[in-house]
N, C-alpha and C. Protein backbone atom coordinates (compact mmCIF):
# COMPACT_ATOMS: atom_id res chain seq x y z
N UNK A 1 -4.04 7.24 18.70
CA UNK A 1 -3.59 6.23 17.75
C UNK A 1 -4.76 5.66 16.96
N UNK A 2 -5.88 5.42 17.63
CA UNK A 2 -7.06 4.88 16.96
C UNK A 2 -7.59 5.85 15.91
N UNK A 3 -7.56 7.13 16.23
CA UNK A 3 -8.03 8.14 15.27
C UNK A 3 -7.11 8.17 14.05
N UNK A 4 -5.81 8.02 14.27
CA UNK A 4 -4.86 7.99 13.15
C UNK A 4 -5.10 6.77 12.26
N UNK A 5 -5.40 5.63 12.87
CA UNK A 5 -5.71 4.42 12.09
C UNK A 5 -6.94 4.67 11.24
N UNK A 6 -7.95 5.29 11.84
CA UNK A 6 -9.18 5.57 11.10
C UNK A 6 -8.93 6.52 9.94
N UNK A 7 -8.17 7.59 10.20
CA UNK A 7 -7.94 8.59 9.17
C UNK A 7 -7.00 8.10 8.08
N UNK A 8 -5.95 7.40 8.46
CA UNK A 8 -4.95 6.98 7.48
C UNK A 8 -5.35 5.74 6.69
N UNK A 9 -6.09 4.85 7.31
CA UNK A 9 -6.37 3.59 6.65
C UNK A 9 -7.83 3.29 6.42
N UNK A 10 -8.61 3.35 7.49
CA UNK A 10 -9.99 2.89 7.41
C UNK A 10 -10.88 3.81 6.60
N UNK A 11 -10.75 5.10 6.78
CA UNK A 11 -11.61 6.04 6.05
C UNK A 11 -11.39 5.95 4.53
N UNK A 12 -10.14 5.98 4.04
CA UNK A 12 -9.95 5.81 2.59
C UNK A 12 -10.43 4.45 2.10
N UNK A 13 -10.26 3.42 2.92
CA UNK A 13 -10.72 2.07 2.58
C UNK A 13 -12.24 2.06 2.36
N UNK A 14 -12.96 2.68 3.27
CA UNK A 14 -14.42 2.73 3.17
C UNK A 14 -14.85 3.52 1.94
N UNK A 15 -14.24 4.68 1.74
CA UNK A 15 -14.58 5.51 0.58
C UNK A 15 -14.32 4.77 -0.72
N UNK A 16 -13.19 4.11 -0.82
CA UNK A 16 -12.86 3.39 -2.04
C UNK A 16 -13.80 2.21 -2.27
N UNK A 17 -14.24 1.57 -1.19
CA UNK A 17 -15.18 0.46 -1.36
C UNK A 17 -16.56 0.95 -1.78
N UNK A 18 -16.96 2.12 -1.31
CA UNK A 18 -18.22 2.71 -1.78
C UNK A 18 -18.11 2.98 -3.28
N UNK A 19 -16.98 3.51 -3.71
CA UNK A 19 -16.76 3.74 -5.14
C UNK A 19 -16.79 2.42 -5.90
N UNK A 20 -16.17 1.38 -5.35
CA UNK A 20 -16.17 0.07 -6.00
C UNK A 20 -17.59 -0.48 -6.15
N UNK A 21 -18.41 -0.29 -5.13
CA UNK A 21 -19.81 -0.75 -5.19
C UNK A 21 -20.57 0.00 -6.27
N UNK A 22 -20.37 1.32 -6.33
CA UNK A 22 -21.03 2.12 -7.37
C UNK A 22 -20.60 1.64 -8.76
N UNK A 23 -19.32 1.41 -8.93
CA UNK A 23 -18.82 0.92 -10.22
C UNK A 23 -19.42 -0.44 -10.56
N UNK A 24 -19.51 -1.30 -9.57
CA UNK A 24 -20.08 -2.63 -9.78
C UNK A 24 -21.52 -2.54 -10.28
N UNK A 25 -22.31 -1.69 -9.65
CA UNK A 25 -23.71 -1.55 -10.04
C UNK A 25 -23.89 -0.77 -11.35
N UNK A 26 -22.81 -0.17 -11.82
CA UNK A 26 -22.83 0.45 -13.15
C UNK A 26 -22.31 -0.53 -14.21
N UNK A 27 -22.18 -1.80 -13.80
CA UNK A 27 -21.67 -2.87 -14.67
C UNK A 27 -20.24 -2.63 -15.13
N UNK A 28 -19.48 -1.92 -14.33
CA UNK A 28 -18.05 -1.72 -14.60
C UNK A 28 -17.27 -2.62 -13.64
N UNK A 29 -17.49 -3.93 -13.81
CA UNK A 29 -16.95 -4.90 -12.85
C UNK A 29 -15.42 -4.91 -12.82
N UNK A 30 -14.79 -4.72 -13.97
CA UNK A 30 -13.33 -4.70 -14.00
C UNK A 30 -12.80 -3.53 -13.17
N UNK A 31 -13.38 -2.36 -13.35
CA UNK A 31 -12.98 -1.18 -12.57
C UNK A 31 -13.31 -1.36 -11.10
N UNK A 32 -14.45 -1.97 -10.82
CA UNK A 32 -14.86 -2.21 -9.42
C UNK A 32 -13.85 -3.12 -8.73
N UNK A 33 -13.44 -4.18 -9.42
CA UNK A 33 -12.47 -5.11 -8.84
C UNK A 33 -11.15 -4.41 -8.57
N UNK A 34 -10.68 -3.60 -9.53
CA UNK A 34 -9.42 -2.88 -9.35
C UNK A 34 -9.48 -1.91 -8.19
N UNK A 35 -10.60 -1.21 -8.06
CA UNK A 35 -10.77 -0.26 -6.96
C UNK A 35 -10.84 -0.99 -5.62
N UNK A 36 -11.52 -2.13 -5.61
CA UNK A 36 -11.62 -2.94 -4.38
C UNK A 36 -10.23 -3.42 -3.94
N UNK A 37 -9.45 -3.92 -4.88
CA UNK A 37 -8.10 -4.39 -4.55
C UNK A 37 -7.23 -3.22 -4.09
N UNK A 38 -7.32 -2.10 -4.79
CA UNK A 38 -6.54 -0.92 -4.40
C UNK A 38 -6.92 -0.43 -3.01
N UNK A 39 -8.19 -0.62 -2.62
CA UNK A 39 -8.62 -0.19 -1.29
C UNK A 39 -7.90 -0.96 -0.19
N UNK A 40 -7.61 -2.23 -0.44
CA UNK A 40 -6.86 -3.01 0.55
C UNK A 40 -5.42 -2.53 0.64
N UNK A 41 -4.85 -2.18 -0.50
CA UNK A 41 -3.48 -1.65 -0.51
C UNK A 41 -3.43 -0.33 0.27
N UNK A 42 -4.40 0.53 0.03
CA UNK A 42 -4.47 1.82 0.74
C UNK A 42 -4.66 1.59 2.24
N UNK A 43 -5.51 0.66 2.61
CA UNK A 43 -5.73 0.34 4.03
C UNK A 43 -4.43 -0.08 4.70
N UNK A 44 -3.72 -1.00 4.07
CA UNK A 44 -2.47 -1.50 4.64
C UNK A 44 -1.42 -0.40 4.70
N UNK A 45 -1.29 0.37 3.63
CA UNK A 45 -0.31 1.46 3.62
C UNK A 45 -0.61 2.49 4.70
N UNK A 46 -1.88 2.82 4.85
CA UNK A 46 -2.27 3.81 5.86
C UNK A 46 -1.96 3.36 7.27
N UNK A 47 -2.31 2.12 7.56
CA UNK A 47 -2.07 1.60 8.92
C UNK A 47 -0.57 1.39 9.15
N UNK A 48 0.13 0.83 8.15
CA UNK A 48 1.56 0.55 8.32
C UNK A 48 2.38 1.83 8.44
N UNK A 49 1.87 2.94 7.92
CA UNK A 49 2.62 4.19 8.03
C UNK A 49 2.76 4.63 9.49
N UNK A 50 1.90 4.10 10.36
CA UNK A 50 2.00 4.43 11.79
C UNK A 50 3.29 3.91 12.41
N UNK A 51 3.93 2.96 11.76
CA UNK A 51 5.23 2.46 12.24
C UNK A 51 6.21 3.62 12.39
N UNK A 52 6.13 4.57 11.47
CA UNK A 52 7.07 5.70 11.49
C UNK A 52 6.76 6.70 12.60
N UNK A 53 5.68 6.52 13.33
CA UNK A 53 5.36 7.39 14.47
C UNK A 53 5.99 6.90 15.77
N UNK A 54 6.60 5.74 15.76
CA UNK A 54 7.23 5.20 16.97
C UNK A 54 8.57 5.90 17.15
N UNK A 55 8.58 6.88 18.02
CA UNK A 55 9.75 7.75 18.17
C UNK A 55 10.95 7.07 18.81
N UNK A 56 10.71 6.02 19.58
CA UNK A 56 11.81 5.33 20.26
C UNK A 56 12.66 4.51 19.29
N UNK A 57 12.17 4.23 18.12
CA UNK A 57 12.86 3.36 17.16
C UNK A 57 13.71 4.18 16.20
N UNK A 58 14.78 3.57 15.73
CA UNK A 58 15.62 4.20 14.71
C UNK A 58 14.91 4.13 13.36
N UNK A 59 15.34 4.98 12.43
CA UNK A 59 14.76 4.97 11.09
C UNK A 59 15.03 3.63 10.41
N UNK A 60 16.16 3.01 10.70
CA UNK A 60 16.47 1.70 10.11
C UNK A 60 15.48 0.64 10.59
N UNK A 61 15.22 0.61 11.88
CA UNK A 61 14.27 -0.37 12.43
C UNK A 61 12.87 -0.15 11.86
N UNK A 62 12.44 1.09 11.80
CA UNK A 62 11.13 1.41 11.24
C UNK A 62 11.04 0.96 9.78
N UNK A 63 12.09 1.26 9.02
CA UNK A 63 12.10 0.94 7.60
C UNK A 63 12.08 -0.57 7.37
N UNK A 64 12.87 -1.30 8.12
CA UNK A 64 12.92 -2.76 7.97
C UNK A 64 11.57 -3.37 8.31
N UNK A 65 10.97 -2.95 9.41
CA UNK A 65 9.66 -3.49 9.79
C UNK A 65 8.60 -3.13 8.74
N UNK A 66 8.61 -1.88 8.29
CA UNK A 66 7.65 -1.45 7.27
C UNK A 66 7.83 -2.26 5.99
N UNK A 67 9.07 -2.47 5.58
CA UNK A 67 9.32 -3.27 4.38
C UNK A 67 8.79 -4.69 4.54
N UNK A 68 9.02 -5.30 5.69
CA UNK A 68 8.53 -6.66 5.92
C UNK A 68 7.01 -6.72 5.89
N UNK A 69 6.37 -5.73 6.50
CA UNK A 69 4.90 -5.68 6.46
C UNK A 69 4.42 -5.56 5.02
N UNK A 70 5.07 -4.70 4.24
CA UNK A 70 4.69 -4.52 2.83
C UNK A 70 4.93 -5.81 2.04
N UNK A 71 6.06 -6.45 2.29
CA UNK A 71 6.40 -7.68 1.58
C UNK A 71 5.40 -8.79 1.87
N UNK A 72 4.93 -8.87 3.10
CA UNK A 72 4.00 -9.93 3.49
C UNK A 72 2.54 -9.62 3.18
N UNK A 73 2.25 -8.37 2.82
CA UNK A 73 0.86 -8.01 2.54
C UNK A 73 0.67 -7.48 1.12
N UNK A 74 1.35 -6.42 0.77
CA UNK A 74 1.15 -5.77 -0.53
C UNK A 74 1.62 -6.65 -1.68
N UNK A 75 2.80 -7.24 -1.55
CA UNK A 75 3.31 -8.08 -2.64
C UNK A 75 2.35 -9.23 -2.97
N UNK A 76 1.85 -9.98 -2.00
CA UNK A 76 0.86 -11.02 -2.34
C UNK A 76 -0.42 -10.46 -2.97
N UNK A 77 -0.86 -9.30 -2.50
CA UNK A 77 -2.05 -8.68 -3.11
C UNK A 77 -1.78 -8.37 -4.57
N UNK A 78 -0.60 -7.85 -4.86
CA UNK A 78 -0.24 -7.57 -6.26
C UNK A 78 -0.26 -8.84 -7.10
N UNK A 79 0.20 -9.94 -6.51
CA UNK A 79 0.26 -11.20 -7.25
C UNK A 79 -1.13 -11.76 -7.56
N UNK A 80 -2.07 -11.60 -6.66
CA UNK A 80 -3.42 -12.16 -6.88
C UNK A 80 -4.39 -11.15 -7.49
N UNK A 81 -3.93 -9.93 -7.71
CA UNK A 81 -4.81 -8.87 -8.20
C UNK A 81 -5.29 -9.08 -9.63
N UNK A 82 -4.53 -9.80 -10.41
CA UNK A 82 -4.86 -9.94 -11.82
C UNK A 82 -4.31 -8.80 -12.66
N UNK A 83 -3.58 -7.89 -12.05
CA UNK A 83 -3.01 -6.75 -12.76
C UNK A 83 -1.78 -7.14 -13.58
N UNK A 84 -1.20 -8.29 -13.27
CA UNK A 84 0.03 -8.72 -13.92
C UNK A 84 -0.16 -10.12 -14.50
N UNK A 85 0.48 -10.37 -15.64
CA UNK A 85 0.51 -11.71 -16.21
C UNK A 85 1.58 -12.49 -15.47
N UNK A 86 1.18 -13.59 -14.85
CA UNK A 86 2.11 -14.39 -14.06
C UNK A 86 2.14 -15.82 -14.61
N UNK A 87 3.07 -16.04 -15.52
CA UNK A 87 3.19 -17.36 -16.13
C UNK A 87 4.45 -18.07 -15.62
N UNK A 88 5.55 -17.34 -15.60
CA UNK A 88 6.82 -17.94 -15.20
C UNK A 88 7.34 -17.25 -13.93
N UNK A 89 8.39 -17.84 -13.38
CA UNK A 89 9.02 -17.24 -12.20
C UNK A 89 9.58 -15.85 -12.54
N UNK A 90 9.95 -15.66 -13.79
CA UNK A 90 10.44 -14.35 -14.22
C UNK A 90 9.36 -13.29 -14.01
N UNK A 91 8.11 -13.64 -14.30
CA UNK A 91 7.00 -12.70 -14.12
C UNK A 91 6.85 -12.30 -12.66
N UNK A 92 6.97 -13.26 -11.75
CA UNK A 92 6.88 -12.98 -10.31
C UNK A 92 8.04 -12.07 -9.89
N UNK A 93 9.21 -12.32 -10.48
CA UNK A 93 10.38 -11.52 -10.16
C UNK A 93 10.22 -10.08 -10.67
N UNK A 94 9.64 -9.93 -11.86
CA UNK A 94 9.38 -8.60 -12.41
C UNK A 94 8.43 -7.82 -11.50
N UNK A 95 7.38 -8.48 -11.02
CA UNK A 95 6.44 -7.83 -10.08
C UNK A 95 7.19 -7.45 -8.80
N UNK A 96 8.07 -8.33 -8.33
CA UNK A 96 8.86 -8.02 -7.14
C UNK A 96 9.74 -6.80 -7.37
N UNK A 97 10.36 -6.72 -8.55
CA UNK A 97 11.20 -5.56 -8.86
C UNK A 97 10.37 -4.28 -8.93
N UNK A 98 9.17 -4.36 -9.50
CA UNK A 98 8.27 -3.20 -9.50
C UNK A 98 7.90 -2.80 -8.08
N UNK A 99 7.59 -3.79 -7.25
CA UNK A 99 7.28 -3.57 -5.83
C UNK A 99 8.44 -2.84 -5.15
N UNK A 100 9.66 -3.35 -5.37
CA UNK A 100 10.84 -2.71 -4.77
C UNK A 100 11.06 -1.30 -5.31
N UNK A 101 10.91 -1.14 -6.62
CA UNK A 101 11.14 0.17 -7.23
C UNK A 101 10.17 1.22 -6.73
N UNK A 102 8.87 0.91 -6.77
CA UNK A 102 7.88 1.87 -6.29
C UNK A 102 8.05 2.12 -4.79
N UNK A 103 8.36 1.08 -4.04
CA UNK A 103 8.56 1.24 -2.60
C UNK A 103 9.75 2.11 -2.28
N UNK A 104 10.84 1.90 -3.00
CA UNK A 104 12.06 2.69 -2.76
C UNK A 104 11.84 4.15 -3.12
N UNK A 105 11.26 4.40 -4.28
CA UNK A 105 11.00 5.78 -4.70
C UNK A 105 10.05 6.47 -3.72
N UNK A 106 8.99 5.78 -3.33
CA UNK A 106 8.04 6.35 -2.36
C UNK A 106 8.72 6.65 -1.04
N UNK A 107 9.53 5.71 -0.55
CA UNK A 107 10.23 5.90 0.72
C UNK A 107 11.13 7.13 0.63
N UNK A 108 11.88 7.26 -0.46
CA UNK A 108 12.79 8.40 -0.62
C UNK A 108 12.03 9.72 -0.67
N UNK A 109 10.94 9.75 -1.40
CA UNK A 109 10.14 10.98 -1.49
C UNK A 109 9.63 11.39 -0.11
N UNK A 110 9.04 10.44 0.61
CA UNK A 110 8.49 10.78 1.93
C UNK A 110 9.60 11.09 2.93
N UNK A 111 10.74 10.42 2.84
CA UNK A 111 11.86 10.71 3.72
C UNK A 111 12.32 12.15 3.52
N UNK A 112 12.48 12.54 2.27
CA UNK A 112 12.92 13.91 1.96
C UNK A 112 11.87 14.93 2.41
N UNK A 113 10.61 14.65 2.13
CA UNK A 113 9.54 15.57 2.54
C UNK A 113 9.52 15.77 4.05
N UNK A 114 9.58 14.68 4.80
CA UNK A 114 9.51 14.79 6.26
C UNK A 114 10.79 15.38 6.83
N UNK A 115 11.91 15.14 6.18
CA UNK A 115 13.18 15.71 6.64
C UNK A 115 13.13 17.24 6.53
N UNK A 116 12.61 17.74 5.42
CA UNK A 116 12.55 19.18 5.22
C UNK A 116 11.43 19.84 6.02
N UNK A 117 10.32 19.15 6.22
CA UNK A 117 9.21 19.76 6.96
C UNK A 117 9.40 19.69 8.47
N UNK A 118 10.27 18.80 8.94
CA UNK A 118 10.46 18.69 10.39
C UNK A 118 11.51 19.67 10.90
N UNK A 119 12.27 20.28 10.01
CA UNK A 119 13.31 21.23 10.45
C UNK A 119 12.82 22.64 10.47
């Protein structure tokens, strides 16, 4: 399990942060900040994907827990990232809809991929 955490989350996080540091020292601070923020998203996604390795749980339970983890971590990161203009509650709702849309499409793609590769 520890090796999976390292491979899925920590290793990409470290690599992306090295890239962010290089960008920063090249005076590409905007790109460095974006890469740094994306590295946290990758870290969380990598570690949270381990939820789907718990064989005793139903797909519904895994999906609900994964969604809650994403909602409590990724959504706030998106809000503070500076990637979106957040002036009104409508703006926060639009970001939430994007979060749901990308999450749903990603979940469906991976569900289909794993369904076909596991048979």
